[in-house]
């Protein structure tokens, strides 16, 4: 079962889930050619296909109207592991399938939609970073101009870099 803004949809469902570990804009290659990742958190994306009961076009239409509202987000209650995950997410796309039936009856087969979480589902704070082996930050009360620090297994060390023009950083 999937719930969207309190609207429960309990039909056969196929969902594909993607977890994206998203980094901030300050992430990138450093002067020593190593990649620095300032990871913001893990964002969930779901691609969902829901079956449409042939005898309940009213509820299907209600679901379609909710998913295609031009709003910034919806609240979704989705399967996650052995339990549930409630996320605030934006709907990226909605697709559905129509079949012409005898006697000019409309029949909808399925509705597909993609959602992306507005906030990370998982984040790592400073305390958790430290407990995972990241050394405590150095005392930087008296830092020389241009000092660069690097984490090592034994703590932080001051390093400097030389660019192609022999300029020291």
N, C-alpha and C. Protein backbone atom coordinates (compact mmCIF):
# COMPACT_ATOMS: atom_id res chain seq x y z
N UNK A 1 0.83 -1.18 0.00
CA UNK A 1 0.00 0.00 0.00
C UNK A 1 0.88 1.24 0.00
N UNK A 2 0.46 2.24 -0.75
CA UNK A 2 1.13 3.54 -0.79
C UNK A 2 0.11 4.59 -0.36
N UNK A 3 0.56 5.55 0.45
CA UNK A 3 -0.29 6.65 0.87
C UNK A 3 0.31 7.95 0.34
N UNK A 4 -0.53 8.76 -0.31
CA UNK A 4 -0.09 10.04 -0.87
C UNK A 4 -1.00 11.12 -0.30
N UNK A 5 -0.44 12.01 0.50
CA UNK A 5 -1.21 13.07 1.14
C UNK A 5 -2.44 12.52 1.86
N UNK A 6 -2.28 11.38 2.51
CA UNK A 6 -3.38 10.76 3.24
C UNK A 6 -4.29 9.89 2.39
N UNK A 7 -4.10 9.87 1.09
CA UNK A 7 -4.92 9.09 0.17
C UNK A 7 -4.29 7.70 0.05
N UNK A 8 -4.96 6.67 0.56
CA UNK A 8 -4.42 5.31 0.53
C UNK A 8 -4.75 4.63 -0.78
N UNK A 9 -3.75 3.99 -1.37
CA UNK A 9 -3.93 3.27 -2.63
C UNK A 9 -3.40 1.87 -2.42
N UNK A 10 -4.32 0.93 -2.21
CA UNK A 10 -3.95 -0.44 -1.87
C UNK A 10 -4.27 -1.36 -3.05
N UNK A 11 -3.37 -1.37 -4.03
CA UNK A 11 -3.51 -2.18 -5.24
C UNK A 11 -2.16 -2.80 -5.54
N UNK A 12 -2.10 -3.76 -6.46
CA UNK A 12 -0.78 -4.27 -6.85
C UNK A 12 0.13 -3.12 -7.30
N UNK A 13 1.37 -3.19 -6.87
CA UNK A 13 2.30 -2.08 -7.07
C UNK A 13 3.69 -2.62 -7.39
N UNK A 14 4.39 -1.91 -8.25
CA UNK A 14 5.78 -2.21 -8.55
C UNK A 14 6.55 -0.92 -8.33
N UNK A 15 7.55 -0.94 -7.46
CA UNK A 15 8.32 0.28 -7.16
C UNK A 15 9.80 -0.01 -7.31
N UNK A 16 10.48 0.90 -7.95
CA UNK A 16 11.94 0.84 -8.06
C UNK A 16 12.49 2.00 -7.25
N UNK A 17 13.42 1.68 -6.36
CA UNK A 17 13.95 2.67 -5.43
C UNK A 17 15.42 2.94 -5.74
N UNK A 18 15.81 4.21 -5.67
CA UNK A 18 17.20 4.59 -5.86
C UNK A 18 17.61 5.50 -4.71
N UNK A 19 18.77 5.24 -4.13
CA UNK A 19 19.32 6.09 -3.08
C UNK A 19 20.51 6.85 -3.69
N UNK A 20 20.44 8.18 -3.67
CA UNK A 20 21.51 9.00 -4.24
C UNK A 20 22.23 9.74 -3.12
N UNK A 21 23.54 9.49 -3.01
CA UNK A 21 24.34 10.20 -2.03
C UNK A 21 24.79 11.51 -2.70
N UNK A 22 24.15 12.60 -2.31
CA UNK A 22 24.33 13.89 -2.98
C UNK A 22 25.37 14.73 -2.26
N UNK A 23 26.29 15.29 -3.02
CA UNK A 23 27.35 16.13 -2.47
C UNK A 23 27.06 17.60 -2.77
N UNK A 24 27.61 18.49 -1.95
CA UNK A 24 27.40 19.93 -2.12
C UNK A 24 28.24 20.47 -3.27
N UNK A 25 28.04 21.73 -3.58
CA UNK A 25 28.77 22.38 -4.66
C UNK A 25 30.26 22.56 -4.36
N UNK A 26 30.66 22.46 -3.09
CA UNK A 26 32.09 22.63 -2.79
C UNK A 26 32.88 21.34 -3.01
N UNK A 27 32.20 20.28 -3.36
CA UNK A 27 32.87 19.01 -3.66
C UNK A 27 33.59 19.11 -5.00
N UNK A 28 34.67 18.37 -5.13
CA UNK A 28 35.38 18.34 -6.40
C UNK A 28 36.82 17.93 -6.22
N UNK A 29 37.57 18.05 -7.32
CA UNK A 29 38.98 17.69 -7.30
C UNK A 29 39.79 18.73 -6.57
N UNK A 30 40.70 18.26 -5.72
CA UNK A 30 41.59 19.17 -5.01
C UNK A 30 42.89 19.28 -5.80
N UNK A 31 43.77 20.17 -5.35
CA UNK A 31 45.02 20.40 -6.07
C UNK A 31 45.89 19.16 -6.15
N UNK A 32 45.79 18.27 -5.16
CA UNK A 32 46.61 17.05 -5.18
C UNK A 32 45.93 15.92 -5.97
N UNK A 33 44.87 16.25 -6.72
CA UNK A 33 44.17 15.32 -7.62
C UNK A 33 43.25 14.33 -6.91
N UNK A 34 43.09 14.47 -5.59
CA UNK A 34 42.13 13.65 -4.87
C UNK A 34 40.77 14.30 -4.97
N UNK A 35 39.73 13.49 -4.87
CA UNK A 35 38.37 14.01 -4.90
C UNK A 35 37.90 14.26 -3.48
N UNK A 36 37.38 15.44 -3.22
CA UNK A 36 36.81 15.79 -1.93
C UNK A 36 35.29 15.80 -2.08
N UNK A 37 34.58 15.04 -1.26
CA UNK A 37 33.12 14.98 -1.33
C UNK A 37 32.54 15.52 -0.03
N UNK A 38 31.81 16.62 -0.12
CA UNK A 38 31.07 17.16 1.00
C UNK A 38 29.65 16.64 0.86
N UNK A 39 29.43 15.42 1.35
CA UNK A 39 28.15 14.73 1.16
C UNK A 39 27.09 15.38 2.04
N UNK A 40 26.00 15.80 1.41
CA UNK A 40 24.89 16.43 2.12
C UNK A 40 24.03 15.37 2.79
N UNK A 41 23.76 14.29 2.05
CA UNK A 41 22.93 13.23 2.60
C UNK A 41 22.47 12.29 1.50
N UNK A 42 21.64 11.33 1.89
CA UNK A 42 21.10 10.34 0.97
C UNK A 42 19.66 10.70 0.64
N UNK A 43 19.40 10.93 -0.64
CA UNK A 43 18.06 11.28 -1.13
C UNK A 43 17.44 10.06 -1.79
N UNK A 44 16.17 9.81 -1.50
CA UNK A 44 15.46 8.66 -2.06
C UNK A 44 14.67 9.08 -3.29
N UNK A 45 14.69 8.23 -4.30
CA UNK A 45 13.89 8.40 -5.51
C UNK A 45 13.10 7.10 -5.70
N UNK A 46 11.83 7.23 -6.00
CA UNK A 46 10.99 6.06 -6.28
C UNK A 46 10.36 6.22 -7.65
N UNK A 47 10.41 5.16 -8.44
CA UNK A 47 9.66 5.04 -9.70
C UNK A 47 8.60 3.99 -9.43
N UNK A 48 7.33 4.39 -9.48
CA UNK A 48 6.24 3.54 -9.03
C UNK A 48 5.26 3.27 -10.17
N UNK A 49 4.81 2.03 -10.27
CA UNK A 49 3.71 1.65 -11.17
C UNK A 49 2.61 1.05 -10.31
N UNK A 50 1.43 1.64 -10.42
CA UNK A 50 0.27 1.15 -9.67
C UNK A 50 -0.75 0.58 -10.63
N UNK A 51 -1.35 -0.52 -10.26
CA UNK A 51 -2.43 -1.10 -11.05
C UNK A 51 -3.68 -0.26 -10.84
N UNK A 52 -4.54 -0.26 -11.82
CA UNK A 52 -5.79 0.48 -11.73
C UNK A 52 -6.94 -0.52 -11.69
N UNK A 53 -7.72 -0.53 -10.61
CA UNK A 53 -8.87 -1.43 -10.58
C UNK A 53 -9.88 -1.04 -11.66
N UNK A 54 -10.30 -1.95 -12.49
CA UNK A 54 -11.19 -1.60 -13.61
C UNK A 54 -12.55 -1.07 -13.17
N UNK A 55 -12.95 -1.36 -11.95
CA UNK A 55 -14.27 -0.94 -11.51
C UNK A 55 -14.25 0.31 -10.62
N UNK A 56 -13.12 0.99 -10.50
CA UNK A 56 -13.06 2.16 -9.61
C UNK A 56 -12.40 3.35 -10.30
N UNK A 57 -13.00 3.82 -11.38
CA UNK A 57 -12.45 4.95 -12.13
C UNK A 57 -12.48 6.23 -11.30
N UNK A 58 -13.43 6.36 -10.37
CA UNK A 58 -13.51 7.57 -9.54
C UNK A 58 -12.26 7.71 -8.66
N UNK A 59 -11.87 6.63 -7.98
CA UNK A 59 -10.66 6.70 -7.14
C UNK A 59 -9.40 6.88 -7.99
N UNK A 60 -9.37 6.25 -9.16
CA UNK A 60 -8.23 6.44 -10.05
C UNK A 60 -8.11 7.90 -10.45
N UNK A 61 -9.21 8.51 -10.81
CA UNK A 61 -9.20 9.92 -11.21
C UNK A 61 -8.74 10.79 -10.06
N UNK A 62 -9.18 10.48 -8.84
CA UNK A 62 -8.75 11.23 -7.66
C UNK A 62 -7.23 11.11 -7.47
N UNK A 63 -6.70 9.91 -7.62
CA UNK A 63 -5.25 9.70 -7.52
C UNK A 63 -4.51 10.49 -8.58
N UNK A 64 -4.99 10.42 -9.82
CA UNK A 64 -4.34 11.15 -10.92
C UNK A 64 -4.34 12.66 -10.64
N UNK A 65 -5.42 13.18 -10.14
CA UNK A 65 -5.51 14.61 -9.85
C UNK A 65 -4.53 15.01 -8.74
N UNK A 66 -4.39 14.16 -7.72
CA UNK A 66 -3.42 14.45 -6.65
C UNK A 66 -2.00 14.48 -7.21
N UNK A 67 -1.64 13.46 -7.99
CA UNK A 67 -0.27 13.36 -8.50
C UNK A 67 0.08 14.47 -9.48
N UNK A 68 -0.90 14.99 -10.21
CA UNK A 68 -0.61 16.00 -11.24
C UNK A 68 -0.88 17.43 -10.76
N UNK A 69 -1.17 17.61 -9.47
CA UNK A 69 -1.33 18.96 -8.94
C UNK A 69 -0.02 19.72 -9.10
N UNK A 70 -0.07 20.98 -9.52
CA UNK A 70 1.16 21.76 -9.65
C UNK A 70 1.60 22.34 -8.31
N UNK A 71 2.03 21.44 -7.41
CA UNK A 71 2.50 21.83 -6.08
C UNK A 71 3.96 21.41 -5.93
N UNK A 72 4.63 21.99 -4.94
CA UNK A 72 6.04 21.71 -4.74
C UNK A 72 6.35 20.36 -4.13
N UNK A 73 5.41 19.79 -3.40
CA UNK A 73 5.68 18.51 -2.74
C UNK A 73 4.38 17.84 -2.31
N UNK A 74 4.50 16.57 -2.01
CA UNK A 74 3.45 15.74 -1.43
C UNK A 74 4.09 14.93 -0.31
N UNK A 75 3.28 14.37 0.56
CA UNK A 75 3.77 13.47 1.59
C UNK A 75 3.44 12.04 1.16
N UNK A 76 4.49 11.21 1.09
CA UNK A 76 4.35 9.82 0.66
C UNK A 76 4.72 8.89 1.81
N UNK A 77 3.94 7.84 1.98
CA UNK A 77 4.25 6.76 2.90
C UNK A 77 4.56 5.56 2.02
N UNK A 78 5.85 5.20 1.95
CA UNK A 78 6.34 4.20 0.99
C UNK A 78 6.95 3.00 1.72
N UNK A 79 7.00 1.85 1.03
CA UNK A 79 7.73 0.72 1.60
C UNK A 79 9.22 1.05 1.72
N UNK A 80 9.83 0.59 2.79
CA UNK A 80 11.27 0.80 2.99
C UNK A 80 11.78 -0.34 3.84
N UNK A 81 12.60 -1.19 3.25
CA UNK A 81 13.10 -2.35 3.99
C UNK A 81 11.94 -3.21 4.46
N UNK A 82 11.93 -3.55 5.74
CA UNK A 82 10.84 -4.34 6.31
C UNK A 82 9.71 -3.45 6.82
N UNK A 83 9.89 -2.13 6.71
CA UNK A 83 8.89 -1.22 7.26
C UNK A 83 8.41 -0.19 6.26
N UNK A 84 8.22 1.01 6.76
CA UNK A 84 7.67 2.10 5.97
C UNK A 84 8.58 3.32 6.10
N UNK A 85 8.53 4.19 5.11
CA UNK A 85 9.28 5.45 5.11
C UNK A 85 8.31 6.55 4.71
N UNK A 86 8.19 7.57 5.54
CA UNK A 86 7.36 8.72 5.20
C UNK A 86 8.31 9.82 4.74
N UNK A 87 8.11 10.28 3.50
CA UNK A 87 8.96 11.32 2.94
C UNK A 87 8.12 12.42 2.33
N UNK A 88 8.69 13.60 2.32
CA UNK A 88 8.13 14.72 1.57
C UNK A 88 8.89 14.72 0.26
N UNK A 89 8.16 14.63 -0.86
CA UNK A 89 8.82 14.49 -2.15
C UNK A 89 8.05 15.25 -3.23
N UNK A 90 8.77 15.57 -4.28
CA UNK A 90 8.13 16.21 -5.44
C UNK A 90 7.89 15.15 -6.51
N UNK A 91 6.78 15.30 -7.21
CA UNK A 91 6.46 14.40 -8.30
C UNK A 91 7.16 14.94 -9.54
N UNK A 92 7.95 14.10 -10.18
CA UNK A 92 8.68 14.52 -11.38
C UNK A 92 7.89 14.25 -12.65
N UNK A 93 7.28 13.09 -12.76
CA UNK A 93 6.54 12.72 -13.96
C UNK A 93 5.40 11.79 -13.59
N UNK A 94 4.33 11.85 -14.39
CA UNK A 94 3.20 10.93 -14.24
C UNK A 94 2.84 10.42 -15.63
N UNK A 95 2.73 9.10 -15.76
CA UNK A 95 2.33 8.46 -17.02
C UNK A 95 1.19 7.51 -16.70
N UNK A 96 0.23 7.41 -17.61
CA UNK A 96 -0.79 6.39 -17.43
C UNK A 96 -1.14 5.79 -18.78
N UNK A 97 -1.85 4.66 -18.74
CA UNK A 97 -2.16 3.91 -19.97
C UNK A 97 -3.67 3.75 -20.10
N UNK A 98 -4.18 4.08 -21.27
CA UNK A 98 -5.60 3.98 -21.56
C UNK A 98 -5.82 2.93 -22.64
N UNK A 99 -6.90 2.18 -22.48
CA UNK A 99 -7.25 1.15 -23.46
C UNK A 99 -8.70 1.39 -23.88
N UNK A 100 -8.95 1.38 -25.18
CA UNK A 100 -10.32 1.51 -25.67
C UNK A 100 -11.01 0.16 -25.53
N UNK A 101 -12.13 0.16 -24.86
CA UNK A 101 -12.89 -1.06 -24.62
C UNK A 101 -14.12 -1.06 -25.52
N UNK A 102 -14.76 -2.22 -25.69
CA UNK A 102 -16.01 -2.26 -26.47
C UNK A 102 -17.05 -1.30 -25.89
N UNK A 103 -17.93 -0.84 -26.73
CA UNK A 103 -19.02 0.06 -26.33
C UNK A 103 -18.50 1.40 -25.82
N UNK A 104 -17.34 1.86 -26.37
CA UNK A 104 -16.76 3.17 -26.02
C UNK A 104 -16.52 3.36 -24.52
N UNK A 105 -16.20 2.30 -23.82
CA UNK A 105 -15.86 2.40 -22.39
C UNK A 105 -14.39 2.75 -22.26
N UNK A 106 -14.07 3.62 -21.32
CA UNK A 106 -12.68 3.95 -21.02
C UNK A 106 -12.14 2.98 -19.99
N UNK A 107 -10.94 2.52 -20.21
CA UNK A 107 -10.29 1.65 -19.23
C UNK A 107 -8.84 2.10 -19.06
N UNK A 108 -8.46 2.35 -17.84
CA UNK A 108 -7.09 2.72 -17.51
C UNK A 108 -6.41 1.50 -16.91
N UNK A 109 -5.20 1.17 -17.40
CA UNK A 109 -4.50 -0.03 -16.96
C UNK A 109 -3.56 0.22 -15.80
N UNK A 110 -2.79 1.29 -15.89
CA UNK A 110 -1.79 1.54 -14.85
C UNK A 110 -1.45 3.03 -14.83
N UNK A 111 -0.85 3.43 -13.73
CA UNK A 111 -0.33 4.79 -13.60
C UNK A 111 1.10 4.66 -13.07
N UNK A 112 2.01 5.36 -13.73
CA UNK A 112 3.42 5.37 -13.34
C UNK A 112 3.77 6.78 -12.90
N UNK A 113 4.57 6.88 -11.83
CA UNK A 113 5.04 8.21 -11.43
C UNK A 113 6.41 8.09 -10.78
N UNK A 114 7.14 9.19 -10.85
CA UNK A 114 8.48 9.27 -10.26
C UNK A 114 8.48 10.38 -9.22
N UNK A 115 9.08 10.07 -8.06
CA UNK A 115 9.18 11.08 -7.00
C UNK A 115 10.62 11.16 -6.51
N UNK A 116 11.00 12.35 -6.06
CA UNK A 116 12.32 12.58 -5.48
C UNK A 116 12.13 13.28 -4.15
N UNK A 117 12.76 12.75 -3.10
CA UNK A 117 12.64 13.33 -1.76
C UNK A 117 13.17 14.76 -1.73
N UNK A 118 12.48 15.63 -0.99
CA UNK A 118 12.91 17.02 -0.85
C UNK A 118 14.04 17.18 0.16
N UNK A 119 14.15 16.22 1.08
CA UNK A 119 15.16 16.28 2.14
C UNK A 119 15.88 14.94 2.18
N UNK A 120 17.12 14.95 2.64
CA UNK A 120 17.82 13.66 2.75
C UNK A 120 17.15 12.75 3.77
N UNK A 121 17.12 11.47 3.43
CA UNK A 121 16.60 10.46 4.34
C UNK A 121 17.66 10.12 5.38
N UNK A 122 18.92 10.19 4.96
CA UNK A 122 20.04 9.91 5.85
C UNK A 122 21.01 11.07 5.78
N UNK A 123 21.50 11.50 6.95
CA UNK A 123 22.52 12.54 7.03
C UNK A 123 23.56 12.12 8.07
N UNK A 124 24.74 12.67 7.96
CA UNK A 124 25.77 12.39 8.94
C UNK A 124 26.23 13.72 9.54
N UNK A 125 26.06 13.85 10.84
CA UNK A 125 26.50 15.05 11.53
C UNK A 125 27.95 14.94 11.94
N UNK A 126 28.46 16.01 12.52
CA UNK A 126 29.87 16.07 12.93
C UNK A 126 30.18 14.99 13.96
N UNK A 127 29.33 14.80 14.95
CA UNK A 127 29.60 13.80 15.98
C UNK A 127 29.69 12.40 15.39
N UNK A 128 28.80 12.08 14.45
CA UNK A 128 28.84 10.77 13.81
C UNK A 128 30.11 10.62 12.96
N UNK A 129 30.50 11.71 12.28
CA UNK A 129 31.73 11.68 11.50
C UNK A 129 32.92 11.35 12.38
N UNK A 130 32.96 11.95 13.55
CA UNK A 130 34.08 11.72 14.48
C UNK A 130 34.07 10.27 14.95
N UNK A 131 32.89 9.72 15.27
CA UNK A 131 32.84 8.35 15.76
C UNK A 131 33.16 7.35 14.66
N UNK A 132 33.08 7.74 13.41
CA UNK A 132 33.42 6.84 12.31
C UNK A 132 34.89 6.94 11.93
N UNK A 133 35.71 7.54 12.77
CA UNK A 133 37.14 7.56 12.51
C UNK A 133 37.66 8.86 11.95
N UNK A 134 36.81 9.84 11.74
CA UNK A 134 37.26 11.13 11.26
C UNK A 134 37.87 11.85 12.46
N UNK A 135 39.11 12.30 12.38
CA UNK A 135 39.74 12.88 13.57
C UNK A 135 39.06 14.18 14.00
N UNK A 136 39.11 14.50 15.29
CA UNK A 136 38.54 15.77 15.74
C UNK A 136 39.18 16.92 15.00
N UNK A 137 38.41 17.98 14.80
CA UNK A 137 38.94 19.14 14.09
C UNK A 137 40.08 19.77 14.88
N UNK A 138 41.06 20.35 14.17
CA UNK A 138 42.20 20.96 14.86
C UNK A 138 41.80 22.26 15.55
N UNK A 139 42.59 22.66 16.53
CA UNK A 139 42.39 23.96 17.17
C UNK A 139 42.89 25.01 16.18
N UNK A 140 41.99 25.81 15.70
CA UNK A 140 42.36 26.77 14.66
C UNK A 140 42.24 28.21 15.15
N UNK A 141 42.54 28.43 16.44
CA UNK A 141 42.44 29.78 16.97
C UNK A 141 43.56 30.68 16.45
N UNK A 142 44.71 30.12 16.09
CA UNK A 142 45.82 30.93 15.59
C UNK A 142 46.32 30.29 14.29
N UNK A 143 45.57 30.47 13.22
CA UNK A 143 45.87 29.83 11.95
C UNK A 143 46.66 30.78 11.06
N UNK A 144 47.79 30.34 10.53
CA UNK A 144 48.50 31.18 9.57
C UNK A 144 47.68 31.33 8.29
N UNK A 145 47.81 32.48 7.65
CA UNK A 145 47.08 32.73 6.41
C UNK A 145 47.48 31.68 5.37
N UNK A 146 46.50 31.08 4.72
CA UNK A 146 46.77 30.10 3.68
C UNK A 146 47.01 28.69 4.18
N UNK A 147 46.86 28.45 5.49
CA UNK A 147 47.08 27.11 6.02
C UNK A 147 46.01 26.16 5.48
N UNK A 148 46.43 24.98 5.11
CA UNK A 148 45.52 23.94 4.64
C UNK A 148 45.72 22.73 5.54
N UNK A 149 44.62 22.14 5.99
CA UNK A 149 44.69 20.99 6.87
C UNK A 149 44.25 19.74 6.13
N UNK A 150 44.83 18.61 6.53
CA UNK A 150 44.47 17.32 5.94
C UNK A 150 44.32 16.31 7.07
N UNK A 151 43.28 15.50 6.96
CA UNK A 151 43.03 14.46 7.97
C UNK A 151 43.95 13.28 7.71
N UNK A 152 44.59 12.79 8.75
CA UNK A 152 45.42 11.59 8.68
C UNK A 152 44.93 10.64 9.77
N UNK A 153 45.35 9.39 9.75
CA UNK A 153 44.91 8.46 10.80
C UNK A 153 45.27 8.91 12.21
N UNK A 154 46.29 9.74 12.35
CA UNK A 154 46.71 10.18 13.68
C UNK A 154 46.21 11.57 14.03
N UNK A 155 45.50 12.22 13.15
CA UNK A 155 44.99 13.56 13.42
C UNK A 155 45.18 14.47 12.21
N UNK A 156 45.00 15.75 12.42
CA UNK A 156 45.11 16.74 11.34
C UNK A 156 46.55 17.23 11.23
N UNK A 157 46.99 17.42 10.00
CA UNK A 157 48.32 18.00 9.77
C UNK A 157 48.17 19.18 8.82
N UNK A 158 49.06 20.14 8.97
CA UNK A 158 49.07 21.28 8.06
C UNK A 158 49.85 20.88 6.82
N UNK A 159 49.28 21.14 5.66
CA UNK A 159 49.95 20.82 4.40
C UNK A 159 49.90 22.04 3.49
N UNK A 160 50.75 22.04 2.51
CA UNK A 160 50.64 23.07 1.50
C UNK A 160 50.84 22.44 0.14
N UNK A 161 50.42 23.12 -0.88
CA UNK A 161 50.47 22.59 -2.23
C UNK A 161 51.19 23.58 -3.13
N UNK A 162 51.83 23.06 -4.16
CA UNK A 162 52.51 23.89 -5.13
C UNK A 162 51.82 23.65 -6.47
N UNK A 163 51.39 24.77 -7.13
CA UNK A 163 50.71 24.60 -8.40
C UNK A 163 51.74 24.57 -9.54
N UNK A 164 51.28 24.53 -10.77
CA UNK A 164 52.15 24.38 -11.94
C UNK A 164 53.07 25.59 -12.11
N UNK A 165 52.71 26.74 -11.53
CA UNK A 165 53.54 27.94 -11.62
C UNK A 165 54.44 28.10 -10.39
N UNK A 166 54.61 27.05 -9.64
CA UNK A 166 55.42 27.02 -8.42
C UNK A 166 54.87 27.95 -7.34
N UNK A 167 53.60 28.26 -7.40
CA UNK A 167 52.99 29.07 -6.36
C UNK A 167 52.56 28.15 -5.22
N UNK A 168 52.94 28.50 -3.99
CA UNK A 168 52.63 27.68 -2.82
C UNK A 168 51.28 28.08 -2.26
N UNK A 169 50.55 27.06 -1.83
CA UNK A 169 49.25 27.29 -1.19
C UNK A 169 49.27 26.70 0.19
